[in-house]
């Protein structure tokens, strides 16, 4: 069986499924390379505007393949196959559908998404200090910004698991669903996003991400500058046509 499954949905989204269920979808060197290459290929595909990332079996991802690392089968430095960097190059929204355990590198992979949906079986843990490796895919900086420094330190310094329900309370995941409803909900959310104008998904994602990395005053100025630049390219007729199409779609949904 392939280590990575790819589905291109006709609506305009793709689903990437980590497919090493016997190893809890641990990220072997080959899987890291395959995942990075697949994401880069999807980023270059104008027919794919939203990406869903999930795992096969009972886990989302157990992190790096420690058996492979212990056997000297994969490098610890100079790694070119960086799936998190590849996910960062995907300009559209990324939805992590977290089923089961997301541990250490798998936790970082989930954090690379724009938002997370969690199945009831989902649980999160950062075991970097236990295995003797510092995070390199963003966990130490992203996690405190999402759940607060104290909670992030509690997770990372203990290695304890965080349940799906607690992750929702802490704002780490958008919502928790029964496991059987997780992927259908991610697909439905992707379709909701695809109702936006094609150019607006990457533009909105970019202005939010770029602004979040700045002090608040600078972020407000950034938004204003980009808004003015965007409006300079609009015409009243174009806005009217868009509003007319939205109204017609709403009427169809109401009548259908």
C-alpha atoms as a PDB file:
ATOM      1  CA  UNK A   1       0.000   0.000   0.000  1.00  0.00           C
ATOM      2  CA  UNK A   2       1.249   3.540  -0.675  1.00  0.00           C
ATOM      3  CA  UNK A   3       2.362   5.551   2.353  1.00  0.00           C
ATOM      4  CA  UNK A   4       0.321   8.546   1.191  1.00  0.00           C
ATOM      5  CA  UNK A   5      -3.145   8.622  -0.361  1.00  0.00           C
ATOM      6  CA  UNK A   6      -4.313  11.529  -2.508  1.00  0.00           C
ATOM      7  CA  UNK A   7      -7.890  12.331  -3.486  1.00  0.00           C
ATOM      8  CA  UNK A   8      -8.765  15.265  -5.709  1.00  0.00           C
ATOM      9  CA  UNK A   9     -12.413  16.184  -5.226  1.00  0.00           C
ATOM     10  CA  UNK A  10     -14.224  17.736  -8.202  1.00  0.00           C
ATOM     11  CA  UNK A  11     -15.438  20.601  -5.997  1.00  0.00           C
ATOM     12  CA  UNK A  12     -11.875  21.942  -5.830  1.00  0.00           C
ATOM     13  CA  UNK A  13     -10.304  20.497  -2.688  1.00  0.00           C
ATOM     14  CA  UNK A  14      -7.869  17.643  -2.096  1.00  0.00           C
ATOM     15  CA  UNK A  15      -7.527  15.138   0.741  1.00  0.00           C
ATOM     16  CA  UNK A  16      -4.082  13.851   1.722  1.00  0.00           C
ATOM     17  CA  UNK A  17      -4.141  10.811   4.005  1.00  0.00           C
ATOM     18  CA  UNK A  18      -1.040   9.569   5.819  1.00  0.00           C
ATOM     19  CA  UNK A  19      -1.247   5.834   5.228  1.00  0.00           C
ATOM     20  CA  UNK A  20       1.063   3.929   7.563  1.00  0.00           C
ATOM     21  CA  UNK A  21      -1.607   2.810  10.041  1.00  0.00           C
ATOM     22  CA  UNK A  22       0.473  -0.066  11.452  1.00  0.00           C
ATOM     23  CA  UNK A  23       3.103   2.520  12.486  1.00  0.00           C
ATOM     24  CA  UNK A  24       0.515   5.106  13.635  1.00  0.00           C
ATOM     25  CA  UNK A  25       1.425   7.055  10.473  1.00  0.00           C
ATOM     26  CA  UNK A  26       4.918   7.805  11.776  1.00  0.00           C
ATOM     27  CA  UNK A  27       6.843  10.075   9.443  1.00  0.00           C
ATOM     28  CA  UNK A  28       9.533   7.975   7.846  1.00  0.00           C
ATOM     29  CA  UNK A  29      12.024   9.752   5.598  1.00  0.00           C
ATOM     30  CA  UNK A  30      10.227   8.443   2.521  1.00  0.00           C
ATOM     31  CA  UNK A  31       6.838   9.608   3.799  1.00  0.00           C
ATOM     32  CA  UNK A  32       8.203  13.052   4.647  1.00  0.00           C
ATOM     33  CA  UNK A  33       9.586  13.369   1.145  1.00  0.00           C
ATOM     34  CA  UNK A  34       6.411  12.076  -0.466  1.00  0.00           C
ATOM     35  CA  UNK A  35       4.234  14.391   1.601  1.00  0.00           C
ATOM     36  CA  UNK A  36       6.340  17.466   0.818  1.00  0.00           C
ATOM     37  CA  UNK A  37       6.346  16.644  -2.899  1.00  0.00           C
ATOM     38  CA  UNK A  38       2.587  16.025  -2.939  1.00  0.00           C
ATOM     39  CA  UNK A  39       1.810  19.318  -1.182  1.00  0.00           C
ATOM     40  CA  UNK A  40       4.068  21.261  -3.550  1.00  0.00           C
ATOM     41  CA  UNK A  41       2.366  19.619  -6.532  1.00  0.00           C
ATOM     42  CA  UNK A  42      -1.062  20.530  -5.168  1.00  0.00           C
ATOM     43  CA  UNK A  43       0.091  24.094  -4.517  1.00  0.00           C
ATOM     44  CA  UNK A  44       0.900  24.367  -8.223  1.00  0.00           C
ATOM     45  CA  UNK A  45      -2.490  22.940  -9.245  1.00  0.00           C
ATOM     46  CA  UNK A  46      -4.997  25.754  -9.814  1.00  0.00           C
ATOM     47  CA  UNK A  47      -7.817  23.207  -9.534  1.00  0.00           C
ATOM     48  CA  UNK A  48      -7.032  22.598  -5.842  1.00  0.00           C
ATOM     49  CA  UNK A  49      -7.873  25.555  -3.607  1.00  0.00           C
ATOM     50  CA  UNK A  50      -8.329  23.856  -0.211  1.00  0.00           C
ATOM     51  CA  UNK A  51      -6.367  21.001   1.354  1.00  0.00           C
ATOM     52  CA  UNK A  52      -7.535  18.480   3.968  1.00  0.00           C
ATOM     53  CA  UNK A  53      -4.874  16.517   5.858  1.00  0.00           C
ATOM     54  CA  UNK A  54      -5.730  13.402   7.876  1.00  0.00           C
ATOM     55  CA  UNK A  55      -4.411   9.992   8.892  1.00  0.00           C
ATOM     56  CA  UNK A  56      -5.467   6.410   8.246  1.00  0.00           C
ATOM     57  CA  UNK A  57      -6.375   4.076  11.084  1.00  0.00           C
ATOM     58  CA  UNK A  58      -6.227   4.911  14.781  1.00  0.00           C
ATOM     59  CA  UNK A  59      -3.804   7.832  14.660  1.00  0.00           C
ATOM     60  CA  UNK A  60      -3.324  11.122  12.875  1.00  0.00           C
ATOM     61  CA  UNK A  61       0.467  10.933  13.147  1.00  0.00           C
ATOM     62  CA  UNK A  62       2.851   9.650  15.834  1.00  0.00           C
ATOM     63  CA  UNK A  63       5.643  11.984  14.736  1.00  0.00           C
ATOM     64  CA  UNK A  64       9.000  11.027  13.292  1.00  0.00           C
ATOM     65  CA  UNK A  65       9.696   7.331  12.821  1.00  0.00           C
ATOM     66  CA  UNK A  66      11.836   6.755  15.917  1.00  0.00           C
ATOM     67  CA  UNK A  67      12.717   3.207  14.897  1.00  0.00           C
ATOM     68  CA  UNK A  68      14.138   4.511  11.648  1.00  0.00           C
ATOM     69  CA  UNK A  69      16.036   7.269  13.474  1.00  0.00           C
ATOM     70  CA  UNK A  70      17.437   4.839  16.052  1.00  0.00           C
ATOM     71  CA  UNK A  71      18.677   2.599  13.261  1.00  0.00           C
ATOM     72  CA  UNK A  72      20.490   5.463  11.568  1.00  0.00           C
ATOM     73  CA  UNK A  73      18.179   5.285   8.578  1.00  0.00           C
ATOM     74  CA  UNK A  74      17.325   8.988   8.408  1.00  0.00           C
ATOM     75  CA  UNK A  75      19.283  12.217   8.949  1.00  0.00           C
ATOM     76  CA  UNK A  76      18.737  14.457  11.980  1.00  0.00           C
ATOM     77  CA  UNK A  77      20.182  17.532  10.251  1.00  0.00           C
ATOM     78  CA  UNK A  78      20.220  18.866   6.725  1.00  0.00           C
ATOM     79  CA  UNK A  79      16.766  17.432   6.021  1.00  0.00           C
ATOM     80  CA  UNK A  80      15.437  18.749   2.719  1.00  0.00           C
ATOM     81  CA  UNK A  81      12.128  16.889   2.884  1.00  0.00           C
ATOM     82  CA  UNK A  82      10.275  19.287   5.174  1.00  0.00           C
ATOM     83  CA  UNK A  83       6.512  18.679   4.969  1.00  0.00           C
ATOM     84  CA  UNK A  84       5.705  21.591   7.291  1.00  0.00           C
ATOM     85  CA  UNK A  85       7.615  24.018   5.057  1.00  0.00           C
ATOM     86  CA  UNK A  86       5.724  22.578   2.069  1.00  0.00           C
ATOM     87  CA  UNK A  87       2.393  23.114   3.838  1.00  0.00           C
ATOM     88  CA  UNK A  88       3.487  26.704   4.415  1.00  0.00           C
ATOM     89  CA  UNK A  89       3.850  27.135   0.652  1.00  0.00           C
ATOM     90  CA  UNK A  90       0.242  26.076   0.010  1.00  0.00           C
ATOM     91  CA  UNK A  91      -1.557  29.389  -0.393  1.00  0.00           C
ATOM     92  CA  UNK A  92      -5.096  28.143   0.229  1.00  0.00           C
ATOM     93  CA  UNK A  93      -6.686  27.036   3.504  1.00  0.00           C
ATOM     94  CA  UNK A  94      -5.466  23.802   5.106  1.00  0.00           C
ATOM     95  CA  UNK A  95      -7.793  21.796   7.357  1.00  0.00           C
ATOM     96  CA  UNK A  96      -6.290  19.189   9.684  1.00  0.00           C
ATOM     97  CA  UNK A  97      -8.812  16.420  10.403  1.00  0.00           C
ATOM     98  CA  UNK A  98      -7.176  14.935  13.489  1.00  0.00           C
ATOM     99  CA  UNK A  99      -8.161  11.354  14.203  1.00  0.00           C
ATOM    100  CA  UNK A 100      -6.497   9.677  17.172  1.00  0.00           C
ATOM    101  CA  UNK A 101      -3.044  10.610  18.416  1.00  0.00           C
ATOM    102  CA  UNK A 102      -1.082  13.612  17.111  1.00  0.00           C
ATOM    103  CA  UNK A 103       2.266  13.310  18.861  1.00  0.00           C
ATOM    104  CA  UNK A 104       5.361  15.546  18.693  1.00  0.00           C
ATOM    105  CA  UNK A 105       6.155  15.845  14.952  1.00  0.00           C
ATOM    106  CA  UNK A 106       2.569  14.814  14.245  1.00  0.00           C
ATOM    107  CA  UNK A 107       1.398  17.596  16.559  1.00  0.00           C
ATOM    108  CA  UNK A 108       3.592  20.016  14.592  1.00  0.00           C
ATOM    109  CA  UNK A 109       2.082  18.738  11.360  1.00  0.00           C
ATOM    110  CA  UNK A 110      -1.420  19.499  12.676  1.00  0.00           C
ATOM    111  CA  UNK A 111      -0.270  22.955  13.799  1.00  0.00           C
ATOM    112  CA  UNK A 112       0.843  23.664  10.229  1.00  0.00           C
ATOM    113  CA  UNK A 113      -2.823  23.689   9.206  1.00  0.00           C
ATOM    114  CA  UNK A 114      -4.951  26.831   9.304  1.00  0.00           C
ATOM    115  CA  UNK A 115      -7.491  25.144  11.528  1.00  0.00           C
ATOM    116  CA  UNK A 116      -8.145  21.787  13.143  1.00  0.00           C
ATOM    117  CA  UNK A 117     -11.177  19.586  13.441  1.00  0.00           C
ATOM    118  CA  UNK A 118     -10.790  16.762  15.955  1.00  0.00           C
ATOM    119  CA  UNK A 119     -12.456  13.408  16.268  1.00  0.00           C
ATOM    120  CA  UNK A 120     -13.495  12.332  19.754  1.00  0.00           C
ATOM    121  CA  UNK A 121     -10.513   9.956  19.764  1.00  0.00           C
ATOM    122  CA  UNK A 122      -8.038  12.765  19.055  1.00  0.00           C
ATOM    123  CA  UNK A 123      -5.341  13.514  21.606  1.00  0.00           C
ATOM    124  CA  UNK A 124      -2.258  15.671  21.458  1.00  0.00           C
ATOM    125  CA  UNK A 125       1.169  15.377  23.074  1.00  0.00           C
ATOM    126  CA  UNK A 126       4.564  17.015  22.744  1.00  0.00           C
ATOM    127  CA  UNK A 127       7.314  14.588  23.772  1.00  0.00           C
ATOM    128  CA  UNK A 128      10.289  16.512  22.368  1.00  0.00           C
ATOM    129  CA  UNK A 129      12.003  16.802  25.789  1.00  0.00           C
ATOM    130  CA  UNK A 130      11.426  13.098  26.498  1.00  0.00           C
ATOM    131  CA  UNK A 131      13.114  11.950  23.292  1.00  0.00           C
ATOM    132  CA  UNK A 132      15.851  14.576  23.482  1.00  0.00           C
ATOM    133  CA  UNK A 133      15.080  16.631  20.359  1.00  0.00           C
ATOM    134  CA  UNK A 134      14.117  20.293  20.195  1.00  0.00           C
ATOM    135  CA  UNK A 135      11.139  21.127  17.940  1.00  0.00           C
ATOM    136  CA  UNK A 136      12.067  22.449  14.520  1.00  0.00           C
ATOM    137  CA  UNK A 137       8.725  22.673  12.744  1.00  0.00           C
ATOM    138  CA  UNK A 138       7.254  25.554  14.749  1.00  0.00           C
ATOM    139  CA  UNK A 139       5.623  23.982  17.792  1.00  0.00           C
ATOM    140  CA  UNK A 140       7.521  26.012  20.394  1.00  0.00           C
ATOM    141  CA  UNK A 141       6.330  29.272  18.805  1.00  0.00           C
ATOM    142  CA  UNK A 142       2.896  28.396  17.421  1.00  0.00           C
ATOM    143  CA  UNK A 143       1.489  26.546  20.427  1.00  0.00           C
ATOM    144  CA  UNK A 144       1.940  29.392  22.977  1.00  0.00           C
ATOM    145  CA  UNK A 145       0.337  31.823  20.531  1.00  0.00           C
ATOM    146  CA  UNK A 146      -2.727  29.589  20.257  1.00  0.00           C
ATOM    147  CA  UNK A 147      -3.324  28.349  23.812  1.00  0.00           C
ATOM    148  CA  UNK A 148      -1.147  30.661  25.922  1.00  0.00           C
ATOM    149  CA  UNK A 149       2.359  30.268  27.287  1.00  0.00           C
ATOM    150  CA  UNK A 150       1.422  28.572  30.567  1.00  0.00           C
ATOM    151  CA  UNK A 151      -0.665  25.878  28.922  1.00  0.00           C
ATOM    152  CA  UNK A 152       1.923  25.349  26.187  1.00  0.00           C
ATOM    153  CA  UNK A 153       4.673  24.917  28.768  1.00  0.00           C
ATOM    154  CA  UNK A 154       2.530  22.460  30.699  1.00  0.00           C
ATOM    155  CA  UNK A 155       2.127  20.313  27.595  1.00  0.00           C
ATOM    156  CA  UNK A 156       5.708  20.510  26.352  1.00  0.00           C
ATOM    157  CA  UNK A 157       7.478  20.197  29.698  1.00  0.00           C
ATOM    158  CA  UNK A 158       5.414  17.221  30.881  1.00  0.00           C
ATOM    159  CA  UNK A 159       4.732  15.351  27.645  1.00  0.00           C
ATOM    160  CA  UNK A 160       1.238  14.639  28.939  1.00  0.00           C
ATOM    161  CA  UNK A 161      -1.654  14.033  26.563  1.00  0.00           C
ATOM    162  CA  UNK A 162      -4.333  16.628  25.906  1.00  0.00           C
ATOM    163  CA  UNK A 163      -7.782  15.237  25.112  1.00  0.00           C
ATOM    164  CA  UNK A 164      -9.908  16.445  22.232  1.00  0.00           C
ATOM    165  CA  UNK A 165     -12.478  18.019  24.545  1.00  0.00           C
ATOM    166  CA  UNK A 166      -9.806  19.891  26.526  1.00  0.00           C
ATOM    167  CA  UNK A 167      -8.127  20.957  23.274  1.00  0.00           C
ATOM    168  CA  UNK A 168     -11.442  22.491  22.204  1.00  0.00           C
ATOM    169  CA  UNK A 169     -11.791  24.324  25.531  1.00  0.00           C
ATOM    170  CA  UNK A 170      -8.268  25.721  25.150  1.00  0.00           C
ATOM    171  CA  UNK A 171      -8.946  26.914  21.594  1.00  0.00           C
ATOM    172  CA  UNK A 172      -6.525  24.493  19.949  1.00  0.00           C
ATOM    173  CA  UNK A 173      -9.187  22.824  17.790  1.00  0.00           C
ATOM    174  CA  UNK A 174     -12.213  24.458  16.180  1.00  0.00           C
ATOM    175  CA  UNK A 175     -14.594  21.712  17.194  1.00  0.00           C
ATOM    176  CA  UNK A 176     -14.813  18.050  18.205  1.00  0.00           C
ATOM    177  CA  UNK A 177     -16.922  15.556  16.282  1.00  0.00           C
ATOM    178  CA  UNK A 178     -17.720  11.851  16.494  1.00  0.00           C
ATOM    179  CA  UNK A 179     -14.947  10.004  14.683  1.00  0.00           C
ATOM    180  CA  UNK A 180     -17.288   8.815  11.934  1.00  0.00           C
ATOM    181  CA  UNK A 181     -18.302  12.416  11.209  1.00  0.00           C
ATOM    182  CA  UNK A 182     -14.794  13.907  11.196  1.00  0.00           C
ATOM    183  CA  UNK A 183     -13.836  13.565   7.538  1.00  0.00           C
ATOM    184  CA  UNK A 184     -17.348  14.386   6.221  1.00  0.00           C
ATOM    185  CA  UNK A 185     -17.264  17.556   8.342  1.00  0.00           C
ATOM    186  CA  UNK A 186     -13.842  18.476   6.949  1.00  0.00           C
ATOM    187  CA  UNK A 187     -15.135  17.959   3.406  1.00  0.00           C
ATOM    188  CA  UNK A 188     -18.189  20.110   4.108  1.00  0.00           C
ATOM    189  CA  UNK A 189     -16.016  22.848   5.591  1.00  0.00           C
ATOM    190  CA  UNK A 190     -13.768  22.754   2.526  1.00  0.00           C
ATOM    191  CA  UNK A 191     -16.827  23.194   0.299  1.00  0.00           C
ATOM    192  CA  UNK A 192     -17.995  26.125   2.424  1.00  0.00           C
ATOM    193  CA  UNK A 193     -14.615  27.774   1.875  1.00  0.00           C
ATOM    194  CA  UNK A 194     -14.806  27.092  -1.846  1.00  0.00           C
ATOM    195  CA  UNK A 195     -17.930  29.264  -2.058  1.00  0.00           C
ATOM    196  CA  UNK A 196     -15.575  32.258  -1.771  1.00  0.00           C
ATOM    197  CA  UNK A 197     -14.141  33.927  -4.845  1.00  0.00           C
ATOM    198  CA  UNK A 198     -11.032  32.018  -6.013  1.00  0.00           C
ATOM    199  CA  UNK A 199      -8.640  34.902  -5.441  1.00  0.00           C
ATOM    200  CA  UNK A 200      -9.995  35.762  -2.005  1.00  0.00           C
ATOM    201  CA  UNK A 201      -9.075  32.603  -0.086  1.00  0.00           C
ATOM    202  CA  UNK A 202      -5.289  33.059  -0.450  1.00  0.00           C
ATOM    203  CA  UNK A 203      -5.548  36.855  -0.087  1.00  0.00           C
ATOM    204  CA  UNK A 204      -7.561  36.636   3.138  1.00  0.00           C
ATOM    205  CA  UNK A 205      -5.338  33.894   4.559  1.00  0.00           C
ATOM    206  CA  UNK A 206      -2.216  35.884   3.727  1.00  0.00           C
ATOM    207  CA  UNK A 207      -3.356  39.159   5.282  1.00  0.00           C
ATOM    208  CA  UNK A 208      -4.416  37.362   8.483  1.00  0.00           C
ATOM    209  CA  UNK A 209      -1.152  35.409   8.765  1.00  0.00           C
ATOM    210  CA  UNK A 210       1.071  38.366   7.899  1.00  0.00           C
ATOM    211  CA  UNK A 211      -0.760  40.663  10.277  1.00  0.00           C
ATOM    212  CA  UNK A 212      -0.685  38.162  13.141  1.00  0.00           C
ATOM    213  CA  UNK A 213       3.114  38.171  12.996  1.00  0.00           C
ATOM    214  CA  UNK A 214       3.206  41.957  13.555  1.00  0.00           C
ATOM    215  CA  UNK A 215       2.442  44.256  16.479  1.00  0.00           C
ATOM    216  CA  UNK A 216      -1.229  45.265  16.441  1.00  0.00           C
ATOM    217  CA  UNK A 217      -0.701  48.808  15.112  1.00  0.00           C
ATOM    218  CA  UNK A 218       1.476  47.607  12.250  1.00  0.00           C
ATOM    219  CA  UNK A 219      -1.011  44.839  11.496  1.00  0.00           C
ATOM    220  CA  UNK A 220      -3.856  47.356  11.225  1.00  0.00           C
ATOM    221  CA  UNK A 221      -1.774  49.465   8.839  1.00  0.00           C
ATOM    222  CA  UNK A 222      -0.991  46.361   6.792  1.00  0.00           C
ATOM    223  CA  UNK A 223      -4.672  45.524   6.459  1.00  0.00           C
ATOM    224  CA  UNK A 224      -5.520  49.069   5.414  1.00  0.00           C
ATOM    225  CA  UNK A 225      -2.774  49.169   2.787  1.00  0.00           C
ATOM    226  CA  UNK A 226      -3.764  45.847   1.271  1.00  0.00           C
ATOM    227  CA  UNK A 227      -7.450  46.731   1.343  1.00  0.00           C
ATOM    228  CA  UNK A 228      -6.823  49.960  -0.528  1.00  0.00           C
ATOM    229  CA  UNK A 229      -4.607  48.209  -3.082  1.00  0.00           C
ATOM    230  CA  UNK A 230      -7.278  45.569  -3.627  1.00  0.00           C
ATOM    231  CA  UNK A 231     -10.138  48.065  -3.959  1.00  0.00           C
ATOM    232  CA  UNK A 232      -8.152  50.056  -6.499  1.00  0.00           C
ATOM    233  CA  UNK A 233      -8.525  47.158  -8.898  1.00  0.00           C
ATOM    234  CA  UNK A 234     -12.286  46.791  -8.414  1.00  0.00           C
ATOM    235  CA  UNK A 235     -15.140  48.338 -10.386  1.00  0.00           C
ATOM    236  CA  UNK A 236     -18.707  48.904  -9.330  1.00  0.00           C
ATOM    237  CA  UNK A 237     -19.898  46.600 -12.084  1.00  0.00           C
ATOM    238  CA  UNK A 238     -17.674  43.787 -10.849  1.00  0.00           C
ATOM    239  CA  UNK A 239     -18.920  44.180  -7.270  1.00  0.00           C
ATOM    240  CA  UNK A 240     -22.507  44.258  -8.495  1.00  0.00           C
ATOM    241  CA  UNK A 241     -22.033  41.088 -10.515  1.00  0.00           C
ATOM    242  CA  UNK A 242     -20.544  39.304  -7.511  1.00  0.00           C
ATOM    243  CA  UNK A 243     -23.402  40.377  -5.235  1.00  0.00           C
ATOM    244  CA  UNK A 244     -25.929  39.290  -7.874  1.00  0.00           C
ATOM    245  CA  UNK A 245     -24.332  35.863  -8.106  1.00  0.00           C
ATOM    246  CA  UNK A 246     -24.359  35.513  -4.313  1.00  0.00           C
ATOM    247  CA  UNK A 247     -28.044  36.450  -4.161  1.00  0.00           C
ATOM    248  CA  UNK A 248     -28.905  33.953  -6.912  1.00  0.00           C
ATOM    249  CA  UNK A 249     -26.985  31.197  -5.150  1.00  0.00           C
ATOM    250  CA  UNK A 250     -28.767  31.974  -1.893  1.00  0.00           C
ATOM    251  CA  UNK A 251     -32.139  31.768  -3.603  1.00  0.00           C
ATOM    252  CA  UNK A 252     -31.228  28.419  -5.159  1.00  0.00           C
ATOM    253  CA  UNK A 253     -30.211  27.033  -1.761  1.00  0.00           C
ATOM    254  CA  UNK A 254     -33.383  28.367  -0.188  1.00  0.00           C
ATOM    255  CA  UNK A 255     -35.600  26.825  -2.874  1.00  0.00           C
ATOM    256  CA  UNK A 256     -33.601  23.605  -3.145  1.00  0.00           C
END
